[in-house]
PDB file of N, CA and C in Angstrom:
ATOM      1  N   MET A   1     -22.731 -15.524  10.952  1.00  0.00           N
ATOM      2  CA  MET A   1     -21.242 -15.243  11.403  1.00  0.00           C
ATOM      3  C   MET A   1     -20.650 -15.533  10.290  1.00  0.00           C
ATOM      4  N   LYS A   2     -19.339 -14.875  10.009  1.00  0.00           N
ATOM      5  CA  LYS A   2     -18.321 -14.872   9.167  1.00  0.00           C
ATOM      6  C   LYS A   2     -17.443 -15.895   9.208  1.00  0.00           C
ATOM      7  N   THR A   3     -17.033 -16.385   8.189  1.00  0.00           N
ATOM      8  CA  THR A   3     -15.928 -17.360   8.141  1.00  0.00           C
ATOM      9  C   THR A   3     -14.547 -16.940   8.072  1.00  0.00           C
ATOM     10  N   ARG A   4     -13.554 -16.918   9.045  1.00  0.00           N
ATOM     11  CA  ARG A   4     -12.549 -16.807   9.007  1.00  0.00           C
ATOM     12  C   ARG A   4     -11.580 -17.272   7.708  1.00  0.00           C
ATOM     13  N   ARG A   5     -10.565 -16.163   6.785  1.00  0.00           N
ATOM     14  CA  ARG A   5      -9.749 -17.087   6.158  1.00  0.00           C
ATOM     15  C   ARG A   5      -8.779 -17.693   6.938  1.00  0.00           C
ATOM     16  N   ILE A   6      -8.051 -17.252   7.852  1.00  0.00           N
ATOM     17  CA  ILE A   6      -6.887 -17.829   8.253  1.00  0.00           C
ATOM     18  C   ILE A   6      -7.279 -17.975   9.963  1.00  0.00           C
ATOM     19  N   LEU A   7      -7.080 -19.443  10.145  1.00  0.00           N
ATOM     20  CA  LEU A   7      -7.040 -19.633  11.412  1.00  0.00           C
ATOM     21  C   LEU A   7      -5.688 -20.278  11.987  1.00  0.00           C
ATOM     22  N   ALA A   8      -5.442 -20.863  13.331  1.00  0.00           N
ATOM     23  CA  ALA A   8      -4.238 -21.492  13.509  1.00  0.00           C
ATOM     24  C   ALA A   8      -4.658 -22.778  14.456  1.00  0.00           C
ATOM     25  N   THR A   9      -3.579 -23.654  14.429  1.00  0.00           N
ATOM     26  CA  THR A   9      -3.626 -24.802  15.435  1.00  0.00           C
ATOM     27  C   THR A   9      -3.134 -24.111  16.834  1.00  0.00           C
ATOM     28  N   PRO A  10      -3.426 -24.953  17.959  1.00  0.00           N
ATOM     29  CA  PRO A  10      -2.661 -24.792  19.078  1.00  0.00           C
ATOM     30  C   PRO A  10      -1.272 -24.484  19.226  1.00  0.00           C
ATOM     31  N   ALA A  11      -0.839 -25.498  18.343  1.00  0.00           N
ATOM     32  CA  ALA A  11       0.559 -25.729  18.343  1.00  0.00           C
ATOM     33  C   ALA A  11       1.211 -24.198  17.817  1.00  0.00           C
ATOM     34  N   ALA A  12       0.631 -23.873  17.167  1.00  0.00           N
ATOM     35  CA  ALA A  12       0.861 -22.618  16.171  1.00  0.00           C
ATOM     36  C   ALA A  12       0.605 -21.250  17.028  1.00  0.00           C
ATOM     37  N   ILE A  13      -0.229 -21.269  17.648  1.00  0.00           N
ATOM     38  CA  ILE A  13      -0.676 -20.365  18.719  1.00  0.00           C
ATOM     39  C   ILE A  13       0.307 -20.207  19.761  1.00  0.00           C
ATOM     40  N   ASP A  14       0.799 -21.471  20.608  1.00  0.00           N
ATOM     41  CA  ASP A  14       1.890 -21.688  21.509  1.00  0.00           C
ATOM     42  C   ASP A  14       3.102 -21.017  20.882  1.00  0.00           C
ATOM     43  N   LEU A  15       3.417 -21.130  19.904  1.00  0.00           N
ATOM     44  CA  LEU A  15       4.653 -20.709  19.233  1.00  0.00           C
ATOM     45  C   LEU A  15       4.713 -19.153  18.934  1.00  0.00           C
ATOM     46  N   ILE A  16       3.638 -18.695  18.625  1.00  0.00           N
ATOM     47  CA  ILE A  16       3.380 -17.447  18.253  1.00  0.00           C
ATOM     48  C   ILE A  16       3.414 -16.654  19.815  1.00  0.00           C
ATOM     49  N   ARG A  17       2.944 -17.332  20.581  1.00  0.00           N
ATOM     50  CA  ARG A  17       3.030 -16.375  21.971  1.00  0.00           C
ATOM     51  C   ARG A  17       4.439 -16.323  22.405  1.00  0.00           C
ATOM     52  N   GLU A  18       4.886 -17.498  22.196  1.00  0.00           N
ATOM     53  CA  GLU A  18       6.380 -17.677  22.540  1.00  0.00           C
ATOM     54  C   GLU A  18       7.269 -16.391  21.875  1.00  0.00           C
ATOM     55  N   LEU A  19       7.160 -16.529  20.311  1.00  0.00           N
ATOM     56  CA  LEU A  19       7.884 -15.151  19.870  1.00  0.00           C
ATOM     57  C   LEU A  19       7.641 -13.986  20.405  1.00  0.00           C
ATOM     58  N   LYS A  20       5.997 -13.746  20.674  1.00  0.00           N
ATOM     59  CA  LYS A  20       5.817 -12.442  21.012  1.00  0.00           C
ATOM     60  C   LYS A  20       6.328 -12.075  22.072  1.00  0.00           C
ATOM     61  N   ALA A  21       6.743 -13.230  23.235  1.00  0.00           N
ATOM     62  CA  ALA A  21       7.277 -12.603  24.437  1.00  0.00           C
ATOM     63  C   ALA A  21       8.896 -12.409  24.189  1.00  0.00           C
ATOM     64  N   GLU A  22       9.461 -12.942  23.051  1.00  0.00           N
ATOM     65  CA  GLU A  22      10.728 -12.542  22.677  1.00  0.00           C
ATOM     66  C   GLU A  22      10.823 -11.350  22.047  1.00  0.00           C
ATOM     67  N   TYR A  23       9.833 -11.197  20.918  1.00  0.00           N
ATOM     68  CA  TYR A  23      10.104 -10.236  19.926  1.00  0.00           C
ATOM     69  C   TYR A  23       9.273  -9.068  20.023  1.00  0.00           C
ATOM     70  N   GLY A  24       8.524  -9.081  20.587  1.00  0.00           N
ATOM     71  CA  GLY A  24       7.123  -8.218  20.812  1.00  0.00           C
ATOM     72  C   GLY A  24       6.151  -8.297  19.547  1.00  0.00           C
ATOM     73  N   GLU A  25       5.458  -7.200  19.279  1.00  0.00           N
ATOM     74  CA  GLU A  25       4.550  -7.301  18.041  1.00  0.00           C
ATOM     75  C   GLU A  25       5.281  -8.103  16.779  1.00  0.00           C
ATOM     76  N   LEU A  26       4.211  -9.044  15.983  1.00  0.00           N
ATOM     77  CA  LEU A  26       4.708  -9.581  14.791  1.00  0.00           C
ATOM     78  C   LEU A  26       3.924  -9.294  13.466  1.00  0.00           C
ATOM     79  N   LEU A  27       4.276  -9.795  12.572  1.00  0.00           N
ATOM     80  CA  LEU A  27       3.138 -10.020  11.378  1.00  0.00           C
ATOM     81  C   LEU A  27       4.102 -11.197  10.767  1.00  0.00           C
ATOM     82  N   PHE A  28       2.709 -11.724   9.880  1.00  0.00           N
ATOM     83  CA  PHE A  28       3.077 -13.062   9.113  1.00  0.00           C
ATOM     84  C   PHE A  28       2.978 -12.299   7.801  1.00  0.00           C
ATOM     85  N   HIS A  29       3.816 -13.246   6.671  1.00  0.00           N
ATOM     86  CA  HIS A  29       3.820 -12.779   5.477  1.00  0.00           C
ATOM     87  C   HIS A  29       4.058 -14.059   4.419  1.00  0.00           C
ATOM     88  N   GLN A  30       3.185 -14.243   3.522  1.00  0.00           N
ATOM     89  CA  GLN A  30       3.392 -15.393   2.566  1.00  0.00           C
ATOM     90  C   GLN A  30       3.642 -15.005   1.178  1.00  0.00           C
ATOM     91  N   SER A  31       4.638 -15.058   0.549  1.00  0.00           N
ATOM     92  CA  SER A  31       4.901 -14.377  -0.867  1.00  0.00           C
ATOM     93  C   SER A  31       4.340 -15.024  -1.624  1.00  0.00           C
ATOM     94  N   GLY A  32       4.327 -16.518  -1.760  1.00  0.00           N
ATOM     95  CA  GLY A  32       4.285 -17.237  -2.617  1.00  0.00           C
ATOM     96  C   GLY A  32       5.115 -17.591  -3.594  1.00  0.00           C
ATOM     97  N   GLY A  33       6.457 -17.242  -3.267  1.00  0.00           N
ATOM     98  CA  GLY A  33       7.869 -17.359  -4.295  1.00  0.00           C
ATOM     99  C   GLY A  33       7.876 -19.171  -4.040  1.00  0.00           C
ATOM    100  N   CYS A  34       8.948 -19.204  -4.863  1.00  0.00           N
ATOM    101  CA  CYS A  34       9.503 -20.942  -4.769  1.00  0.00           C
ATOM    102  C   CYS A  34      10.093 -21.128  -3.354  1.00  0.00           C
ATOM    103  N   CYS A  35      10.315 -22.423  -3.152  1.00  0.00           N
ATOM    104  CA  CYS A  35      10.959 -23.000  -1.745  1.00  0.00           C
ATOM    105  C   CYS A  35      10.464 -22.341  -0.808  1.00  0.00           C
ATOM    106  N   ASP A  36      11.225 -21.889   0.086  1.00  0.00           N
ATOM    107  CA  ASP A  36      10.754 -21.235   1.320  1.00  0.00           C
ATOM    108  C   ASP A  36       9.883 -19.838   1.282  1.00  0.00           C
ATOM    109  N   GLY A  37       9.953 -19.257   0.146  1.00  0.00           N
ATOM    110  CA  GLY A  37       8.946 -18.386   0.047  1.00  0.00           C
ATOM    111  C   GLY A  37       7.318 -18.614  -0.223  1.00  0.00           C
ATOM    112  N   SER A  38       7.270 -20.060  -0.452  1.00  0.00           N
ATOM    113  CA  SER A  38       5.862 -20.077  -0.410  1.00  0.00           C
ATOM    114  C   SER A  38       5.325 -20.666   0.972  1.00  0.00           C
ATOM    115  N   SER A  39       6.122 -20.728   2.118  1.00  0.00           N
ATOM    116  CA  SER A  39       5.784 -20.944   3.525  1.00  0.00           C
ATOM    117  C   SER A  39       5.450 -19.408   4.163  1.00  0.00           C
ATOM    118  N   PRO A  40       4.725 -19.632   4.865  1.00  0.00           N
ATOM    119  CA  PRO A  40       4.385 -18.574   5.686  1.00  0.00           C
ATOM    120  C   PRO A  40       5.649 -17.998   6.442  1.00  0.00           C
ATOM    121  N   MET A  41       6.135 -16.794   6.601  1.00  0.00           N
ATOM    122  CA  MET A  41       7.127 -15.922   7.541  1.00  0.00           C
ATOM    123  C   MET A  41       6.717 -14.945   8.431  1.00  0.00           C
ATOM    124  N   CYS A  42       7.257 -15.620   9.538  1.00  0.00           N
ATOM    125  CA  CYS A  42       6.911 -14.523  10.883  1.00  0.00           C
ATOM    126  C   CYS A  42       8.226 -13.465  11.140  1.00  0.00           C
ATOM    127  N   PHE A  43       7.682 -12.338  11.112  1.00  0.00           N
ATOM    128  CA  PHE A  43       8.766 -11.397  11.320  1.00  0.00           C
ATOM    129  C   PHE A  43       8.028 -10.323  12.540  1.00  0.00           C
ATOM    130  N   GLN A  44       9.468  -9.617  13.196  1.00  0.00           N
ATOM    131  CA  GLN A  44       9.120  -8.699  14.014  1.00  0.00           C
ATOM    132  C   GLN A  44       8.393  -7.300  13.375  1.00  0.00           C
ATOM    133  N   LEU A  45       7.533  -6.730  14.069  1.00  0.00           N
ATOM    134  CA  LEU A  45       6.886  -5.545  13.248  1.00  0.00           C
ATOM    135  C   LEU A  45       7.817  -4.792  12.947  1.00  0.00           C
ATOM    136  N   GLY A  46       7.665  -4.151  11.895  1.00  0.00           N
ATOM    137  CA  GLY A  46       8.759  -3.146  11.329  1.00  0.00           C
ATOM    138  C   GLY A  46       9.930  -3.750  10.572  1.00  0.00           C
ATOM    139  N   ASP A  47      10.288  -5.254  10.635  1.00  0.00           N
ATOM    140  CA  ASP A  47      11.190  -5.799   9.952  1.00  0.00           C
ATOM    141  C   ASP A  47      10.744  -6.048   8.380  1.00  0.00           C
ATOM    142  N   PHE A  48       9.326  -6.259   7.989  1.00  0.00           N
ATOM    143  CA  PHE A  48       9.061  -6.597   6.942  1.00  0.00           C
ATOM    144  C   PHE A  48       7.830  -5.725   6.452  1.00  0.00           C
ATOM    145  N   ARG A  49       8.228  -4.817   5.364  1.00  0.00           N
ATOM    146  CA  ARG A  49       6.957  -3.883   5.160  1.00  0.00           C
ATOM    147  C   ARG A  49       6.224  -4.445   3.860  1.00  0.00           C
ATOM    148  N   VAL A  50       4.676  -4.385   4.152  1.00  0.00           N
ATOM    149  CA  VAL A  50       3.573  -4.741   3.270  1.00  0.00           C
ATOM    150  C   VAL A  50       3.515  -3.583   2.533  1.00  0.00           C
ATOM    151  N   GLY A  51       2.870  -3.979   1.463  1.00  0.00           N
ATOM    152  CA  GLY A  51       2.867  -2.942   0.454  1.00  0.00           C
ATOM    153  C   GLY A  51       1.388  -3.016  -0.485  1.00  0.00           C
ATOM    154  N   SER A  52       1.330  -2.228  -1.310  1.00  0.00           N
ATOM    155  CA  SER A  52       0.038  -2.570  -2.285  1.00  0.00           C
ATOM    156  C   SER A  52      -0.161  -3.843  -2.996  1.00  0.00           C
ATOM    157  N   SER A  53       1.009  -4.216  -3.198  1.00  0.00           N
ATOM    158  CA  SER A  53       0.897  -5.999  -3.599  1.00  0.00           C
ATOM    159  C   SER A  53       0.849  -6.969  -2.697  1.00  0.00           C
ATOM    160  N   ASP A  54       0.097  -6.499  -1.540  1.00  0.00           N
ATOM    161  CA  ASP A  54      -0.344  -7.641  -0.343  1.00  0.00           C
ATOM    162  C   ASP A  54      -1.732  -7.549  -0.035  1.00  0.00           C
ATOM    163  N   VAL A  55      -2.041  -8.463   0.478  1.00  0.00           N
ATOM    164  CA  VAL A  55      -3.543  -8.627   0.851  1.00  0.00           C
ATOM    165  C   VAL A  55      -3.475  -9.295   2.294  1.00  0.00           C
ATOM    166  N   GLY A  56      -4.304  -8.445   3.355  1.00  0.00           N
ATOM    167  CA  GLY A  56      -4.298  -8.710   4.489  1.00  0.00           C
ATOM    168  C   GLY A  56      -5.751  -9.862   4.605  1.00  0.00           C
ATOM    169  N   LEU A  57      -4.921 -11.205   5.413  1.00  0.00           N
ATOM    170  CA  LEU A  57      -6.215 -12.322   5.284  1.00  0.00           C
ATOM    171  C   LEU A  57      -6.888 -12.299   6.672  1.00  0.00           C
ATOM    172  N   GLY A  58      -6.615 -11.394   7.524  1.00  0.00           N
ATOM    173  CA  GLY A  58      -6.892 -11.587   9.164  1.00  0.00           C
ATOM    174  C   GLY A  58      -5.920 -11.556  10.138  1.00  0.00           C
ATOM    175  N   HIS A  59      -6.168 -12.105  11.217  1.00  0.00           N
ATOM    176  CA  HIS A  59      -5.268 -12.043  12.465  1.00  0.00           C
ATOM    177  C   HIS A  59      -5.199 -13.542  13.209  1.00  0.00           C
ATOM    178  N   VAL A  60      -4.163 -13.971  13.601  1.00  0.00           N
ATOM    179  CA  VAL A  60      -4.028 -15.055  14.477  1.00  0.00           C
ATOM    180  C   VAL A  60      -3.367 -14.600  15.634  1.00  0.00           C
ATOM    181  N   ASP A  61      -4.121 -15.007  16.661  1.00  0.00           N
ATOM    182  CA  ASP A  61      -3.838 -14.577  18.179  1.00  0.00           C
ATOM    183  C   ASP A  61      -3.171 -12.986  18.004  1.00  0.00           C
ATOM    184  N   GLY A  62      -3.677 -12.147  17.283  1.00  0.00           N
ATOM    185  CA  GLY A  62      -3.485 -10.480  17.359  1.00  0.00           C
ATOM    186  C   GLY A  62      -2.454 -10.331  16.303  1.00  0.00           C
ATOM    187  N   VAL A  63      -2.253 -11.140  15.522  1.00  0.00           N
ATOM    188  CA  VAL A  63      -1.089 -10.963  14.665  1.00  0.00           C
ATOM    189  C   VAL A  63      -1.448 -10.989  13.106  1.00  0.00           C
ATOM    190  N   SER A  64      -1.123  -9.830  12.543  1.00  0.00           N
ATOM    191  CA  SER A  64      -1.790  -9.859  11.165  1.00  0.00           C
ATOM    192  C   SER A  64      -0.990 -10.859   9.958  1.00  0.00           C
ATOM    193  N   PHE A  65      -2.095 -11.321   9.231  1.00  0.00           N
ATOM    194  CA  PHE A  65      -1.336 -12.170   8.169  1.00  0.00           C
ATOM    195  C   PHE A  65      -1.644 -11.826   6.914  1.00  0.00           C
ATOM    196  N   TRP A  66      -0.564 -11.475   6.141  1.00  0.00           N
ATOM    197  CA  TRP A  66      -0.842 -10.864   4.784  1.00  0.00           C
ATOM    198  C   TRP A  66      -0.035 -11.861   3.774  1.00  0.00           C
ATOM    199  N   MET A  67      -0.850 -11.717   2.633  1.00  0.00           N
ATOM    200  CA  MET A  67      -0.492 -12.562   1.290  1.00  0.00           C
ATOM    201  C   MET A  67      -0.051 -11.747   0.195  1.00  0.00           C
ATOM    202  N   SER A  68       0.745 -12.286  -0.625  1.00  0.00           N
ATOM    203  CA  SER A  68       1.080 -11.375  -1.713  1.00  0.00           C
ATOM    204  C   SER A  68      -0.213 -11.715  -2.625  1.00  0.00           C
ATOM    205  N   LYS A  69      -0.504 -10.595  -3.434  1.00  0.00           N
ATOM    206  CA  LYS A  69      -1.768 -10.558  -4.193  1.00  0.00           C
ATOM    207  C   LYS A  69      -1.565 -11.814  -5.196  1.00  0.00           C
ATOM    208  N   ASP A  70      -0.594 -12.271  -6.012  1.00  0.00           N
ATOM    209  CA  ASP A  70      -0.585 -13.118  -6.869  1.00  0.00           C
ATOM    210  C   ASP A  70      -0.697 -14.555  -6.151  1.00  0.00           C
ATOM    211  N   GLN A  71      -0.269 -14.841  -4.793  1.00  0.00           N
ATOM    212  CA  GLN A  71      -0.603 -15.917  -4.356  1.00  0.00           C
ATOM    213  C   GLN A  71      -2.001 -16.129  -3.753  1.00  0.00           C
ATOM    214  N   PHE A  72      -2.361 -14.790  -3.597  1.00  0.00           N
ATOM    215  CA  PHE A  72      -3.958 -14.970  -3.048  1.00  0.00           C
ATOM    216  C   PHE A  72      -4.992 -15.180  -4.411  1.00  0.00           C
ATOM    217  N   GLU A  73      -4.569 -15.174  -5.404  1.00  0.00           N
ATOM    218  CA  GLU A  73      -5.306 -15.313  -6.731  1.00  0.00           C
ATOM    219  C   GLU A  73      -5.432 -17.059  -6.610  1.00  0.00           C
ATOM    220  N   TYR A  74      -4.427 -17.471  -6.210  1.00  0.00           N
ATOM    221  CA  TYR A  74      -4.460 -19.129  -6.187  1.00  0.00           C
ATOM    222  C   TYR A  74      -5.225 -19.715  -4.975  1.00  0.00           C
ATOM    223  N   TRP A  75      -5.244 -18.852  -3.799  1.00  0.00           N
ATOM    224  CA  TRP A  75      -5.685 -19.414  -2.538  1.00  0.00           C
ATOM    225  C   TRP A  75      -7.061 -18.908  -1.932  1.00  0.00           C
ATOM    226  N   GLN A  76      -7.473 -17.816  -3.163  1.00  0.00           N
ATOM    227  CA  GLN A  76      -8.742 -17.113  -2.539  1.00  0.00           C
ATOM    228  C   GLN A  76     -10.214 -18.028  -2.310  1.00  0.00           C
ATOM    229  N   HIS A  77     -10.168 -18.851  -2.830  1.00  0.00           N
ATOM    230  CA  HIS A  77     -11.292 -19.928  -2.584  1.00  0.00           C
ATOM    231  C   HIS A  77     -11.155 -20.990  -1.238  1.00  0.00           C
ATOM    232  N   THR A  78      -9.969 -20.683  -0.534  1.00  0.00           N
ATOM    233  CA  THR A  78      -9.578 -21.529   0.310  1.00  0.00           C
ATOM    234  C   THR A  78      -9.532 -21.004   1.970  1.00  0.00           C
ATOM    235  N   GLN A  79      -9.863 -21.893   2.901  1.00  0.00           N
ATOM    236  CA  GLN A  79      -9.608 -21.071   4.419  1.00  0.00           C
ATOM    237  C   GLN A  79      -8.201 -21.872   4.770  1.00  0.00           C
ATOM    238  N   LEU A  80      -7.486 -20.875   5.230  1.00  0.00           N
ATOM    239  CA  LEU A  80      -6.004 -21.512   5.380  1.00  0.00           C
ATOM    240  C   LEU A  80      -5.941 -21.453   6.946  1.00  0.00           C
ATOM    241  N   THR A  81      -5.204 -22.838   7.491  1.00  0.00           N
ATOM    242  CA  THR A  81      -4.981 -22.819   8.922  1.00  0.00           C
ATOM    243  C   THR A  81      -3.430 -22.886   9.162  1.00  0.00           C
ATOM    244  N   LEU A  82      -2.944 -22.088   9.764  1.00  0.00           N
ATOM    245  CA  LEU A  82      -1.558 -21.880  10.163  1.00  0.00           C
ATOM    246  C   LEU A  82      -0.997 -22.864  11.279  1.00  0.00           C
ATOM    247  N   ASP A  83       0.086 -23.669  10.903  1.00  0.00           N
ATOM    248  CA  ASP A  83       0.345 -24.724  12.212  1.00  0.00           C
ATOM    249  C   ASP A  83       1.863 -24.940  11.994  1.00  0.00           C
ATOM    250  N   VAL A  84       2.428 -25.563  12.714  1.00  0.00           N
ATOM    251  CA  VAL A  84       3.830 -25.532  12.772  1.00  0.00           C
ATOM    252  C   VAL A  84       4.291 -27.134  13.136  1.00  0.00           C
ATOM    253  N   VAL A  85       5.546 -27.121  12.457  1.00  0.00           N
ATOM    254  CA  VAL A  85       6.367 -28.879  12.460  1.00  0.00           C
ATOM    255  C   VAL A  85       7.767 -28.412  12.927  1.00  0.00           C
ATOM    256  N   ASP A  86       8.099 -29.629  13.354  1.00  0.00           N
ATOM    257  CA  ASP A  86       9.384 -29.672  13.654  1.00  0.00           C
ATOM    258  C   ASP A  86       9.988 -29.802  12.518  1.00  0.00           C
ATOM    259  N   GLY A  87      11.663 -28.941  12.295  1.00  0.00           N
ATOM    260  CA  GLY A  87      12.461 -28.767  11.374  1.00  0.00           C
ATOM    261  C   GLY A  87      12.559 -27.536  10.910  1.00  0.00           C
ATOM    262  N   ARG A  88      13.902 -27.558  10.541  1.00  0.00           N
ATOM    263  CA  ARG A  88      14.417 -25.930  10.103  1.00  0.00           C
ATOM    264  C   ARG A  88      14.345 -25.731   8.960  1.00  0.00           C
ATOM    265  N   GLY A  89      13.625 -24.634   8.679  1.00  0.00           N
ATOM    266  CA  GLY A  89      13.819 -24.120   7.431  1.00  0.00           C
ATOM    267  C   GLY A  89      14.806 -23.171   7.082  1.00  0.00           C
ATOM    268  N   ALA A  90      14.757 -22.731   5.775  1.00  0.00           N
ATOM    269  CA  ALA A  90      15.874 -21.759   5.094  1.00  0.00           C
ATOM    270  C   ALA A  90      15.439 -20.442   4.897  1.00  0.00           C
ATOM    271  N   SER A  91      14.803 -19.958   6.002  1.00  0.00           N
ATOM    272  CA  SER A  91      14.423 -18.534   5.560  1.00  0.00           C
ATOM    273  C   SER A  91      14.776 -17.682   6.789  1.00  0.00           C
ATOM    274  N   PHE A  92      14.081 -16.284   6.903  1.00  0.00           N
ATOM    275  CA  PHE A  92      14.758 -15.439   7.895  1.00  0.00           C
ATOM    276  C   PHE A  92      13.374 -15.307   8.842  1.00  0.00           C
ATOM    277  N   SER A  93      12.624 -16.246   8.661  1.00  0.00           N
ATOM    278  CA  SER A  93      11.173 -16.329   9.724  1.00  0.00           C
ATOM    279  C   SER A  93      11.972 -16.591  11.301  1.00  0.00           C
ATOM    280  N   LEU A  94      10.965 -15.826  12.114  1.00  0.00           N
ATOM    281  CA  LEU A  94      11.701 -16.138  13.675  1.00  0.00           C
ATOM    282  C   LEU A  94      11.700 -17.171  14.167  1.00  0.00           C
ATOM    283  N   GLU A  95      10.868 -18.135  13.713  1.00  0.00           N
ATOM    284  CA  GLU A  95      10.828 -19.456  14.231  1.00  0.00           C
ATOM    285  C   GLU A  95      11.972 -20.312  13.924  1.00  0.00           C
ATOM    286  N   ILE A  96      12.802 -20.227  13.019  1.00  0.00           N
ATOM    287  CA  ILE A  96      13.753 -21.103  12.679  1.00  0.00           C
ATOM    288  C   ILE A  96      14.619 -21.246  13.536  1.00  0.00           C
ATOM    289  N   PRO A  97      15.185 -20.585  14.142  1.00  0.00           N
ATOM    290  CA  PRO A  97      16.260 -20.897  15.113  1.00  0.00           C
ATOM    291  C   PRO A  97      15.781 -22.083  16.322  1.00  0.00           C
ATOM    292  N   LYS A  98      14.650 -21.783  16.527  1.00  0.00           N
ATOM    293  CA  LYS A  98      13.871 -22.651  17.427  1.00  0.00           C
ATOM    294  C   LYS A  98      13.816 -23.938  16.865  1.00  0.00           C
ATOM    295  N   GLY A  99      14.201 -24.606  15.575  1.00  0.00           N
ATOM    296  CA  GLY A  99      13.971 -25.917  15.060  1.00  0.00           C
ATOM    297  C   GLY A  99      12.646 -26.287  14.649  1.00  0.00           C
ATOM    298  N   LYS A 100      11.680 -25.195  14.645  1.00  0.00           N
ATOM    299  CA  LYS A 100      10.345 -25.234  13.992  1.00  0.00           C
ATOM    300  C   LYS A 100      10.252 -24.639  12.603  1.00  0.00           C
ATOM    301  N   ARG A 101       9.111 -24.796  12.104  1.00  0.00           N
ATOM    302  CA  ARG A 101       8.888 -24.147  10.774  1.00  0.00           C
ATOM    303  C   ARG A 101       7.231 -23.841  10.801  1.00  0.00           C
ATOM    304  N   PHE A 102       6.782 -22.754  10.261  1.00  0.00           N
ATOM    305  CA  PHE A 102       5.403 -22.558  10.302  1.00  0.00           C
ATOM    306  C   PHE A 102       4.954 -23.192   8.975  1.00  0.00           C
ATOM    307  N   MET A 103       3.739 -23.755   8.859  1.00  0.00           N
ATOM    308  CA  MET A 103       3.323 -24.180   7.318  1.00  0.00           C
ATOM    309  C   MET A 103       1.885 -23.964   7.380  1.00  0.00           C
ATOM    310  N   ILE A 104       1.331 -23.867   6.081  1.00  0.00           N
ATOM    311  CA  ILE A 104      -0.058 -23.921   5.921  1.00  0.00           C
ATOM    312  C   ILE A 104      -0.796 -24.861   5.399  1.00  0.00           C
ATOM    313  N   HIS A 105      -2.184 -25.093   5.910  1.00  0.00           N
ATOM    314  CA  HIS A 105      -3.176 -26.213   5.331  1.00  0.00           C
ATOM    315  C   HIS A 105      -4.153 -25.529   5.082  1.00  0.00           C
ATOM    316  N   SER A 106      -4.947 -25.752   3.683  1.00  0.00           N
ATOM    317  CA  SER A 106      -5.982 -25.169   3.378  1.00  0.00           C
ATOM    318  C   SER A 106      -7.021 -26.031   2.910  1.00  0.00           C
ATOM    319  N   ARG A 107      -8.125 -25.552   2.728  1.00  0.00           N
ATOM    320  CA  ARG A 107      -9.433 -26.413   2.660  1.00  0.00           C
ATOM    321  C   ARG A 107     -10.181 -25.547   1.670  1.00  0.00           C
ATOM    322  N   LEU A 108     -10.765 -26.055   0.858  1.00  0.00           N
ATOM    323  CA  LEU A 108     -11.566 -25.033  -0.249  1.00  0.00           C
ATOM    324  C   LEU A 108     -13.032 -24.729   0.852  1.00  0.00           C
ATOM    325  N   PHE A 109     -13.628 -23.358   0.463  1.00  0.00           N
ATOM    326  CA  PHE A 109     -14.673 -23.086   1.005  1.00  0.00           C
ATOM    327  C   PHE A 109     -15.919 -23.542  -0.008  1.00  0.00           C
ATOM    328  N   THR A 110     -16.950 -24.218   0.970  1.00  0.00           N
ATOM    329  CA  THR A 110     -18.153 -24.761   0.415  1.00  0.00           C
ATOM    330  C   THR A 110     -18.778 -23.688  -0.387  1.00  0.00           C
ATOM    331  N   GLU A 111     -19.810 -23.775  -1.005  1.00  0.00           N
ATOM    332  CA  GLU A 111     -20.679 -22.797  -1.792  1.00  0.00           C
ATOM    333  C   GLU A 111     -21.280 -21.990  -0.749  1.00  0.00           C
ATOM    334  N   GLU A 112     -21.857 -22.576   0.428  1.00  0.00           N
ATOM    335  CA  GLU A 112     -22.450 -22.036   1.546  1.00  0.00           C
ATOM    336  C   GLU A 112     -21.731 -20.701   2.052  1.00  0.00           C
ATOM    337  N   LYS A 113     -20.240 -21.518   2.374  1.00  0.00           N
ATOM    338  CA  LYS A 113     -19.253 -20.260   2.841  1.00  0.00           C
ATOM    339  C   LYS A 113     -18.833 -19.209   2.175  1.00  0.00           C
ATOM    340  N   SER A 114     -19.086 -19.443   0.607  1.00  0.00           N
ATOM    341  CA  SER A 114     -18.048 -18.994  -0.075  1.00  0.00           C
ATOM    342  C   SER A 114     -18.317 -17.330  -0.084  1.00  0.00           C
ATOM    343  N   GLY A 115     -19.720 -16.905   0.289  1.00  0.00           N
ATOM    344  CA  GLY A 115     -20.178 -15.751   0.042  1.00  0.00           C
ATOM    345  C   GLY A 115     -20.444 -14.960   1.536  1.00  0.00           C
ATOM    346  N   ASN A 116     -19.493 -15.731   2.610  1.00  0.00           N
ATOM    347  CA  ASN A 116     -19.745 -15.180   4.068  1.00  0.00           C
ATOM    348  C   ASN A 116     -18.485 -15.433   4.438  1.00  0.00           C
ATOM    349  N   ARG A 117     -17.348 -14.608   3.978  1.00  0.00           N
ATOM    350  CA  ARG A 117     -16.076 -14.588   4.407  1.00  0.00           C
ATOM    351  C   ARG A 117     -15.755 -13.181   5.190  1.00  0.00           C
ATOM    352  N   GLU A 118     -15.075 -13.311   5.815  1.00  0.00           N
ATOM    353  CA  GLU A 118     -14.172 -12.250   6.691  1.00  0.00           C
ATOM    354  C   GLU A 118     -13.598 -11.289   5.651  1.00  0.00           C
ATOM    355  N   GLU A 119     -13.938  -9.968   5.607  1.00  0.00           N
ATOM    356  CA  GLU A 119     -13.583  -8.893   4.742  1.00  0.00           C
ATOM    357  C   GLU A 119     -12.127  -8.905   4.765  1.00  0.00           C
ATOM    358  N   LEU A 120     -11.381  -8.787   3.624  1.00  0.00           N
ATOM    359  CA  LEU A 120      -9.937  -8.687   3.437  1.00  0.00           C
ATOM    360  C   LEU A 120      -9.360  -7.335   3.560  1.00  0.00           C
ATOM    361  N   PHE A 121      -8.273  -6.941   4.093  1.00  0.00           N
ATOM    362  CA  PHE A 121      -7.639  -5.645   4.227  1.00  0.00           C
ATOM    363  C   PHE A 121      -6.700  -5.738   3.457  1.00  0.00           C
ATOM    364  N   TYR A 122      -6.205  -4.197   2.872  1.00  0.00           N
ATOM    365  CA  TYR A 122      -5.196  -3.782   1.786  1.00  0.00           C
ATOM    366  C   TYR A 122      -4.116  -3.025   2.838  1.00  0.00           C
ATOM    367  N   ALA A 123      -2.967  -3.030   2.360  1.00  0.00           N
ATOM    368  CA  ALA A 123      -1.917  -2.220   2.721  1.00  0.00           C
ATOM    369  C   ALA A 123      -2.100  -0.910   2.091  1.00  0.00           C
ATOM    370  N   GLU A 124      -1.586  -0.015   2.499  1.00  0.00           N
ATOM    371  CA  GLU A 124      -1.820   1.331   1.811  1.00  0.00           C
ATOM    372  C   GLU A 124      -0.607   1.940   1.535  1.00  0.00           C
TER     373      GLU A 124
END
């Protein structure tokens, strides 16, 4: 069995489903910039364009999760878990008006898991 790169907590899944009901199809992107740019941001599909400088890490409840290549260089040896906390961020992410904010927890892959990871996908 392959080890997934991106997981989500039940609270994150609940919020994703709430956002899907309100906005339709979504995508996540984490740029790795400073401040709020380093947090995962949720967009309505079509409102953010991924490109050749982005790496797809997998899907969370059917929503693709992308990360900039530069940020991925730092996180490539980790498994990420999408979570949500109370508090308003200062970004364009869809959850912000709800008084919530997505965040990431990470843990290093073990040697055993390091060669058994879900394949990445790339923007065209």
